[in-house]
C-alpha atoms as a PDB file:
ATOM      1  CA  MET A   1     -92.839  66.841 -42.953  1.00  0.00           C
ATOM      2  CA  LEU A   2     -93.594  69.234 -45.806  1.00  0.00           C
ATOM      3  CA  ALA A   3     -90.526  71.275 -44.905  1.00  0.00           C
ATOM      4  CA  ALA A   4     -88.362  68.142 -44.851  1.00  0.00           C
ATOM      5  CA  ALA A   5     -89.708  67.067 -48.223  1.00  0.00           C
ATOM      6  CA  ALA A   6     -88.993  70.469 -49.695  1.00  0.00           C
ATOM      7  CA  HIS A   7     -85.422  70.360 -48.341  1.00  0.00           C
ATOM      8  CA  ALA A   8     -84.866  66.863 -49.766  1.00  0.00           C
ATOM      9  CA  GLY A   9     -86.094  67.968 -53.146  1.00  0.00           C
ATOM     10  CA  ALA A  10     -83.688  70.881 -53.187  1.00  0.00           C
ATOM     11  CA  ALA A  11     -80.639  68.805 -52.235  1.00  0.00           C
ATOM     12  CA  PRO A  12     -79.732  67.448 -55.719  1.00  0.00           C
ATOM     13  CA  ALA A  13     -79.789  70.956 -57.173  1.00  0.00           C
ATOM     14  CA  ALA A  14     -77.349  72.089 -54.503  1.00  0.00           C
ATOM     15  CA  LEU A  15     -74.748  69.427 -55.359  1.00  0.00           C
ATOM     16  CA  LYS A  16     -71.565  70.923 -56.704  1.00  0.00           C
ATOM     17  CA  THR A  17     -70.816  70.084 -60.323  1.00  0.00           C
ATOM     18  CA  LEU A  18     -67.129  69.284 -60.797  1.00  0.00           C
ATOM     19  CA  PRO A  19     -65.412  70.693 -63.887  1.00  0.00           C
ATOM     20  CA  ASP A  20     -64.785  68.156 -66.638  1.00  0.00           C
ATOM     21  CA  THR A  21     -61.045  68.801 -66.917  1.00  0.00           C
ATOM     22  CA  LEU A  22     -58.117  66.436 -67.174  1.00  0.00           C
ATOM     23  CA  GLU A  23     -56.852  67.790 -63.863  1.00  0.00           C
ATOM     24  CA  GLN A  24     -60.070  66.656 -62.212  1.00  0.00           C
ATOM     25  CA  ARG A  25     -60.047  63.297 -63.998  1.00  0.00           C
ATOM     26  CA  VAL A  26     -56.535  62.455 -62.792  1.00  0.00           C
ATOM     27  CA  ALA A  27     -57.388  63.259 -59.168  1.00  0.00           C
ATOM     28  CA  ALA A  28     -57.252  59.506 -58.547  1.00  0.00           C
ATOM     29  CA  CYS A  29     -53.618  59.586 -59.713  1.00  0.00           C
ATOM     30  CA  THR A  30     -52.592  62.567 -57.617  1.00  0.00           C
ATOM     31  CA  ALA A  31     -54.148  61.006 -54.525  1.00  0.00           C
ATOM     32  CA  CYS A  32     -50.980  58.857 -54.457  1.00  0.00           C
ATOM     33  CA  HIS A  33     -48.604  60.651 -56.828  1.00  0.00           C
ATOM     34  CA  ALA A  34     -49.137  63.959 -55.052  1.00  0.00           C
ATOM     35  CA  ALA A  35     -48.858  67.155 -57.063  1.00  0.00           C
ATOM     36  CA  ARG A  36     -46.215  68.340 -54.605  1.00  0.00           C
ATOM     37  CA  GLU A  37     -44.070  65.249 -54.403  1.00  0.00           C
ATOM     38  CA  ARG A  38     -43.392  63.826 -50.946  1.00  0.00           C
ATOM     39  CA  GLY A  39     -40.427  61.623 -51.811  1.00  0.00           C
ATOM     40  CA  ASP A  40     -42.581  58.571 -51.096  1.00  0.00           C
ATOM     41  CA  ALA A  41     -40.910  55.181 -51.404  1.00  0.00           C
ATOM     42  CA  TYR A  42     -44.083  53.560 -52.765  1.00  0.00           C
ATOM     43  CA  PHE A  43     -45.505  56.283 -54.988  1.00  0.00           C
ATOM     44  CA  PRO A  44     -42.695  57.782 -57.061  1.00  0.00           C
ATOM     45  CA  ARG A  45     -42.474  61.187 -58.654  1.00  0.00           C
ATOM     46  CA  ILE A  46     -44.139  61.121 -62.071  1.00  0.00           C
ATOM     47  CA  ALA A  47     -44.354  64.878 -62.626  1.00  0.00           C
ATOM     48  CA  GLY A  48     -41.910  66.014 -65.275  1.00  0.00           C
ATOM     49  CA  LYS A  49     -41.008  62.537 -66.510  1.00  0.00           C
ATOM     50  CA  PRO A  50     -40.914  62.277 -70.331  1.00  0.00           C
ATOM     51  CA  ALA A  51     -44.376  61.687 -71.776  1.00  0.00           C
ATOM     52  CA  GLY A  52     -43.258  58.648 -73.772  1.00  0.00           C
ATOM     53  CA  TYR A  53     -41.849  57.009 -70.652  1.00  0.00           C
ATOM     54  CA  LEU A  54     -45.045  57.607 -68.661  1.00  0.00           C
ATOM     55  CA  TYR A  55     -47.162  56.280 -71.511  1.00  0.00           C
ATOM     56  CA  ASN A  56     -45.008  53.141 -71.744  1.00  0.00           C
ATOM     57  CA  GLN A  57     -45.404  52.511 -68.014  1.00  0.00           C
ATOM     58  CA  LEU A  58     -49.179  52.876 -68.183  1.00  0.00           C
ATOM     59  CA  LEU A  59     -49.178  50.341 -71.019  1.00  0.00           C
ATOM     60  CA  ASN A  60     -46.892  48.043 -69.040  1.00  0.00           C
ATOM     61  CA  PHE A  61     -49.311  48.040 -66.108  1.00  0.00           C
ATOM     62  CA  ARG A  62     -52.295  47.502 -68.377  1.00  0.00           C
ATOM     63  CA  GLU A  63     -50.646  44.692 -70.317  1.00  0.00           C
ATOM     64  CA  GLY A  64     -49.017  42.902 -67.378  1.00  0.00           C
ATOM     65  CA  ARG A  65     -45.345  43.749 -67.853  1.00  0.00           C
ATOM     66  CA  ARG A  66     -45.465  45.584 -64.528  1.00  0.00           C
ATOM     67  CA  LYS A  67     -47.456  44.166 -61.646  1.00  0.00           C
ATOM     68  CA  TYR A  68     -49.120  46.360 -59.061  1.00  0.00           C
ATOM     69  CA  PRO A  69     -52.831  45.605 -58.538  1.00  0.00           C
ATOM     70  CA  MET A  70     -53.886  49.193 -57.830  1.00  0.00           C
ATOM     71  CA  MET A  71     -52.289  50.489 -61.036  1.00  0.00           C
ATOM     72  CA  THR A  72     -53.618  47.606 -63.112  1.00  0.00           C
ATOM     73  CA  TYR A  73     -57.127  48.312 -61.829  1.00  0.00           C
ATOM     74  CA  MET A  74     -56.791  52.022 -62.665  1.00  0.00           C
ATOM     75  CA  VAL A  75     -55.721  51.567 -66.287  1.00  0.00           C
ATOM     76  CA  ASP A  76     -57.204  48.195 -67.211  1.00  0.00           C
ATOM     77  CA  HIS A  77     -60.016  49.598 -69.377  1.00  0.00           C
ATOM     78  CA  LEU A  78     -58.466  52.878 -70.533  1.00  0.00           C
ATOM     79  CA  PRO A  79     -57.744  53.265 -74.272  1.00  0.00           C
ATOM     80  CA  ASP A  80     -54.328  54.148 -75.641  1.00  0.00           C
ATOM     81  CA  ALA A  81     -55.325  57.706 -76.587  1.00  0.00           C
ATOM     82  CA  TYR A  82     -56.458  58.476 -73.045  1.00  0.00           C
ATOM     83  CA  LEU A  83     -53.258  57.010 -71.585  1.00  0.00           C
ATOM     84  CA  ARG A  84     -51.249  59.274 -73.883  1.00  0.00           C
ATOM     85  CA  GLU A  85     -53.275  62.257 -72.692  1.00  0.00           C
ATOM     86  CA  ILE A  86     -52.614  61.396 -69.053  1.00  0.00           C
ATOM     87  CA  ALA A  87     -48.889  60.908 -69.736  1.00  0.00           C
ATOM     88  CA  GLN A  88     -48.641  64.263 -71.514  1.00  0.00           C
ATOM     89  CA  TYR A  89     -50.424  66.019 -68.660  1.00  0.00           C
ATOM     90  CA  PHE A  90     -48.011  64.792 -66.003  1.00  0.00           C
ATOM     91  CA  SER A  91     -44.955  65.362 -68.200  1.00  0.00           C
ATOM     92  CA  GLU A  92     -45.751  69.076 -68.227  1.00  0.00           C
ATOM     93  CA  LEU A  93     -45.881  69.419 -64.425  1.00  0.00           C
ATOM     94  CA  HIS A  94     -42.709  70.542 -62.667  1.00  0.00           C
ATOM     95  CA  PRO A  95     -43.271  70.951 -58.916  1.00  0.00           C
ATOM     96  CA  PRO A  96     -40.223  71.492 -56.687  1.00  0.00           C
ATOM     97  CA  TYR A  97     -38.227  68.418 -55.772  1.00  0.00           C
ATOM     98  CA  PRO A  98     -38.149  67.402 -52.110  1.00  0.00           C
ATOM     99  CA  ALA A  99     -34.812  67.659 -50.313  1.00  0.00           C
ATOM    100  CA  PRO A 100     -32.869  64.373 -50.219  1.00  0.00           C
ATOM    101  CA  ALA A 101     -33.792  62.260 -47.222  1.00  0.00           C
ATOM    102  CA  PRO A 102     -30.954  61.144 -44.924  1.00  0.00           C
ATOM    103  CA  ASN A 103     -29.759  57.613 -45.629  1.00  0.00           C
ATOM    104  CA  ALA A 104     -27.302  55.253 -44.023  1.00  0.00           C
ATOM    105  CA  ALA A 105     -24.972  54.838 -47.009  1.00  0.00           C
ATOM    106  CA  THR A 106     -21.324  54.908 -45.937  1.00  0.00           C
ATOM    107  CA  PRO A 107     -18.709  57.047 -47.721  1.00  0.00           C
ATOM    108  CA  ALA A 108     -17.361  53.911 -49.418  1.00  0.00           C
ATOM    109  CA  MET A 109     -20.849  52.971 -50.649  1.00  0.00           C
ATOM    110  CA  LEU A 110     -21.439  56.481 -51.943  1.00  0.00           C
ATOM    111  CA  GLU A 111     -18.147  56.443 -53.850  1.00  0.00           C
ATOM    112  CA  ARG A 112     -18.970  53.061 -55.380  1.00  0.00           C
ATOM    113  CA  GLY A 113     -22.404  54.381 -56.325  1.00  0.00           C
ATOM    114  CA  ARG A 114     -20.941  57.528 -57.873  1.00  0.00           C
ATOM    115  CA  ALA A 115     -18.490  55.437 -59.905  1.00  0.00           C
ATOM    116  CA  LEU A 116     -21.225  53.135 -61.218  1.00  0.00           C
ATOM    117  CA  VAL A 117     -23.487  56.057 -62.100  1.00  0.00           C
ATOM    118  CA  HIS A 118     -20.817  58.058 -63.925  1.00  0.00           C
ATOM    119  CA  ASP A 119     -18.361  55.425 -65.161  1.00  0.00           C
ATOM    120  CA  GLY A 120     -20.092  52.037 -65.011  1.00  0.00           C
ATOM    121  CA  ASP A 121     -18.082  48.870 -64.416  1.00  0.00           C
ATOM    122  CA  LYS A 122     -16.276  47.457 -67.439  1.00  0.00           C
ATOM    123  CA  ALA A 123     -15.401  44.212 -65.668  1.00  0.00           C
ATOM    124  CA  LYS A 124     -19.121  43.500 -65.155  1.00  0.00           C
ATOM    125  CA  ASN A 125     -20.084  44.983 -68.541  1.00  0.00           C
ATOM    126  CA  VAL A 126     -22.298  47.503 -66.752  1.00  0.00           C
ATOM    127  CA  PRO A 127     -22.638  50.857 -68.545  1.00  0.00           C
ATOM    128  CA  ALA A 128     -22.729  54.162 -66.692  1.00  0.00           C
ATOM    129  CA  CYS A 129     -26.222  55.344 -65.762  1.00  0.00           C
ATOM    130  CA  VAL A 130     -25.480  58.713 -67.372  1.00  0.00           C
ATOM    131  CA  ALA A 131     -24.905  57.014 -70.727  1.00  0.00           C
ATOM    132  CA  CYS A 132     -28.650  56.428 -71.021  1.00  0.00           C
ATOM    133  CA  HIS A 133     -30.354  58.649 -68.440  1.00  0.00           C
ATOM    134  CA  GLY A 134     -28.454  61.784 -69.436  1.00  0.00           C
ATOM    135  CA  ALA A 135     -25.473  63.650 -68.048  1.00  0.00           C
ATOM    136  CA  GLN A 136     -27.677  65.374 -65.453  1.00  0.00           C
ATOM    137  CA  LEU A 137     -29.685  62.186 -64.790  1.00  0.00           C
ATOM    138  CA  THR A 138     -32.865  64.031 -65.758  1.00  0.00           C
ATOM    139  CA  GLY A 139     -33.857  61.542 -68.451  1.00  0.00           C
ATOM    140  CA  VAL A 140     -34.145  61.969 -72.196  1.00  0.00           C
ATOM    141  CA  ALA A 141     -37.333  62.708 -74.129  1.00  0.00           C
ATOM    142  CA  PRO A 142     -39.400  60.963 -75.213  1.00  0.00           C
ATOM    143  CA  ALA A 143     -38.903  57.696 -73.333  1.00  0.00           C
ATOM    144  CA  ILE A 144     -35.931  57.551 -70.909  1.00  0.00           C
ATOM    145  CA  PRO A 145     -36.798  58.501 -67.315  1.00  0.00           C
ATOM    146  CA  GLY A 146     -34.872  60.745 -64.982  1.00  0.00           C
ATOM    147  CA  LEU A 147     -33.323  59.294 -61.834  1.00  0.00           C
ATOM    148  CA  VAL A 148     -33.063  62.479 -59.779  1.00  0.00           C
ATOM    149  CA  GLY A 149     -35.449  63.018 -56.899  1.00  0.00           C
ATOM    150  CA  LEU A 150     -36.255  59.348 -56.301  1.00  0.00           C
ATOM    151  CA  PRO A 151     -36.050  57.934 -52.768  1.00  0.00           C
ATOM    152  CA  ARG A 152     -33.583  55.162 -52.006  1.00  0.00           C
ATOM    153  CA  ASP A 153     -36.214  52.585 -51.025  1.00  0.00           C
ATOM    154  CA  TYR A 154     -38.072  53.102 -54.302  1.00  0.00           C
ATOM    155  CA  ILE A 155     -34.911  52.648 -56.379  1.00  0.00           C
ATOM    156  CA  ASN A 156     -34.044  49.484 -54.446  1.00  0.00           C
ATOM    157  CA  ALA A 157     -37.576  48.172 -54.962  1.00  0.00           C
ATOM    158  CA  GLN A 158     -37.379  48.684 -58.725  1.00  0.00           C
ATOM    159  CA  PHE A 159     -34.065  46.834 -58.988  1.00  0.00           C
ATOM    160  CA  GLY A 160     -35.693  44.019 -57.025  1.00  0.00           C
ATOM    161  CA  ALA A 161     -38.725  44.044 -59.312  1.00  0.00           C
ATOM    162  CA  TRP A 162     -36.541  43.660 -62.402  1.00  0.00           C
ATOM    163  CA  ARG A 163     -34.523  40.921 -60.772  1.00  0.00           C
ATOM    164  CA  ASN A 164     -37.693  39.050 -59.744  1.00  0.00           C
ATOM    165  CA  LYS A 165     -39.355  39.677 -63.144  1.00  0.00           C
ATOM    166  CA  VAL A 166     -42.197  41.596 -61.546  1.00  0.00           C
ATOM    167  CA  ARG A 167     -41.215  44.543 -63.698  1.00  0.00           C
ATOM    168  CA  ARG A 168     -40.473  44.120 -67.394  1.00  0.00           C
ATOM    169  CA  ALA A 169     -40.285  46.336 -70.460  1.00  0.00           C
ATOM    170  CA  HIS A 170     -40.405  45.905 -74.210  1.00  0.00           C
ATOM    171  CA  ALA A 171     -37.666  43.591 -75.431  1.00  0.00           C
ATOM    172  CA  PRO A 172     -34.764  43.899 -75.401  1.00  0.00           C
ATOM    173  CA  ASP A 173     -35.205  44.725 -71.722  1.00  0.00           C
ATOM    174  CA  CYS A 174     -31.949  46.551 -70.992  1.00  0.00           C
ATOM    175  CA  MET A 175     -32.647  47.263 -67.320  1.00  0.00           C
ATOM    176  CA  ALA A 176     -33.355  43.603 -66.603  1.00  0.00           C
ATOM    177  CA  GLU A 177     -30.010  42.779 -68.201  1.00  0.00           C
ATOM    178  CA  ILE A 178     -28.123  45.426 -66.221  1.00  0.00           C
ATOM    179  CA  THR A 179     -29.782  44.384 -62.976  1.00  0.00           C
ATOM    180  CA  SER A 180     -28.669  40.795 -63.487  1.00  0.00           C
ATOM    181  CA  ARG A 181     -25.049  41.970 -63.592  1.00  0.00           C
ATOM    182  CA  LEU A 182     -25.141  43.988 -60.364  1.00  0.00           C
ATOM    183  CA  SER A 183     -24.560  42.594 -56.897  1.00  0.00           C
ATOM    184  CA  ASP A 184     -26.779  43.517 -53.966  1.00  0.00           C
ATOM    185  CA  ALA A 185     -23.973  45.760 -52.724  1.00  0.00           C
ATOM    186  CA  ASP A 186     -23.829  47.523 -56.108  1.00  0.00           C
ATOM    187  CA  VAL A 187     -27.582  48.153 -56.043  1.00  0.00           C
ATOM    188  CA  ALA A 188     -27.350  49.564 -52.517  1.00  0.00           C
ATOM    189  CA  ALA A 189     -24.473  51.806 -53.582  1.00  0.00           C
ATOM    190  CA  VAL A 190     -26.277  53.161 -56.656  1.00  0.00           C
ATOM    191  CA  SER A 191     -29.546  53.783 -54.825  1.00  0.00           C
ATOM    192  CA  GLY A 192     -27.739  55.407 -51.898  1.00  0.00           C
ATOM    193  CA  TRP A 193     -25.777  57.778 -54.125  1.00  0.00           C
ATOM    194  CA  LEU A 194     -28.739  58.704 -56.359  1.00  0.00           C
ATOM    195  CA  ALA A 195     -31.021  59.361 -53.409  1.00  0.00           C
ATOM    196  CA  SER A 196     -28.449  61.614 -51.749  1.00  0.00           C
ATOM    197  CA  GLN A 197     -28.191  64.012 -54.693  1.00  0.00           C
ATOM    198  CA  PRO A 198     -30.123  67.301 -54.558  1.00  0.00           C
ATOM    199  CA  ALA A 199     -32.180  68.057 -57.647  1.00  0.00           C
ATOM    200  CA  ASP A 200     -32.186  71.371 -59.470  1.00  0.00           C
ATOM    201  CA  ALA A 201     -35.672  72.896 -59.466  1.00  0.00           C
ATOM    202  CA  ASP A 202     -35.214  73.703 -63.158  1.00  0.00           C
ATOM    203  CA  ALA A 203     -34.212  70.138 -64.087  1.00  0.00           C
ATOM    204  CA  ARG A 204     -35.849  68.955 -67.302  1.00  0.00           C
ATOM    205  CA  PRO A 205     -35.371  65.863 -69.525  1.00  0.00           C
ATOM    206  CA  ALA A 206     -32.712  66.261 -72.192  1.00  0.00           C
ATOM    207  CA  SER A 207     -33.915  66.440 -75.771  1.00  0.00           C
ATOM    208  CA  SER A 208     -31.239  64.134 -77.185  1.00  0.00           C
ATOM    209  CA  ILE A 209     -28.428  61.783 -76.247  1.00  0.00           C
ATOM    210  CA  ALA A 210     -25.464  60.174 -77.975  1.00  0.00           C
ATOM    211  CA  MET A 211     -26.334  57.062 -79.932  1.00  0.00           C
ATOM    212  CA  PRO A 212     -26.093  54.143 -80.007  1.00  0.00           C
ATOM    213  CA  LEU A 213     -26.970  53.456 -76.397  1.00  0.00           C
ATOM    214  CA  PRO A 214     -24.586  51.076 -74.562  1.00  0.00           C
ATOM    215  CA  LEU A 215     -27.228  48.332 -74.707  1.00  0.00           C
ATOM    216  CA  GLN A 216     -30.165  47.770 -76.990  1.00  0.00           C
ATOM    217  CA  CYS A 217     -33.207  49.004 -75.104  1.00  0.00           C
ATOM    218  CA  GLY A 218     -36.717  48.396 -76.383  1.00  0.00           C
ATOM    219  CA  SER A 219     -38.288  50.891 -74.006  1.00  0.00           C
ATOM    220  CA  ALA A 220     -36.097  53.734 -75.318  1.00  0.00           C
ATOM    221  CA  GLU A 221     -37.187  53.325 -78.941  1.00  0.00           C
ATOM    222  CA  GLY A 222     -37.664  56.675 -80.637  1.00  0.00           C
ATOM    223  CA  THR A 223     -35.184  58.556 -78.414  1.00  0.00           C
ATOM    224  CA  PRO A 224     -33.338  60.991 -80.698  1.00  0.00           C
ATOM    225  CA  ALA A 225     -29.580  60.929 -81.073  1.00  0.00           C
ATOM    226  CA  ALA A 226     -27.414  63.844 -80.058  1.00  0.00           C
ATOM    227  CA  GLU A 227     -26.392  66.121 -82.868  1.00  0.00           C
ATOM    228  CA  ALA A 228     -23.045  65.232 -84.398  1.00  0.00           C
ATOM    229  CA  LYS A 229     -20.211  67.343 -83.050  1.00  0.00           C
ATOM    230  CA  PRO A 230     -17.041  68.236 -84.956  1.00  0.00           C
END
């Protein structure tokens, strides 16, 4: 009994003390948003996204513009400064992108998706994705996300969330407006084409883009304009 008591008394001292680092604090985030991205349809790549975009999304979950109970629970009581710190941390991570997963998009769907991404659709008043998300689709700092490296099911789910008003952004909500102009077939074409594109390991968000954007977009506020060219 004395030996058991002595062992029990020594146990607390033997517990490992975890380092108080931001990497350790965000372990709850990386449990789903893995450091080495898996191309998961439910837990998207957040590494390397612009810090302003990540911060806006954390605010959106906290303030009810995006609805996902697990995320709301995680950020509900976190102050703005801490959310900014978390966003900055993940924006500086650049793990390799996973290879594109096979998808069932037909050649005709892929061509329609490519056209929408690069040219838009004037008849539907839909701008090209590259007009906002950058020529390489890697996003634009500080607040426009990249579209490369996202799985097809995740992209489809986000279009559905905008259409069903489960996902919103600061007004004017440009993505909600664009989504309302696209047919289901258009969404499938865009998601199929985007998800089929390999991503450069050195891909980074652009630092500027031509202004004005095709649509007013509250979530992109503060994005710098491209330098004027002769």
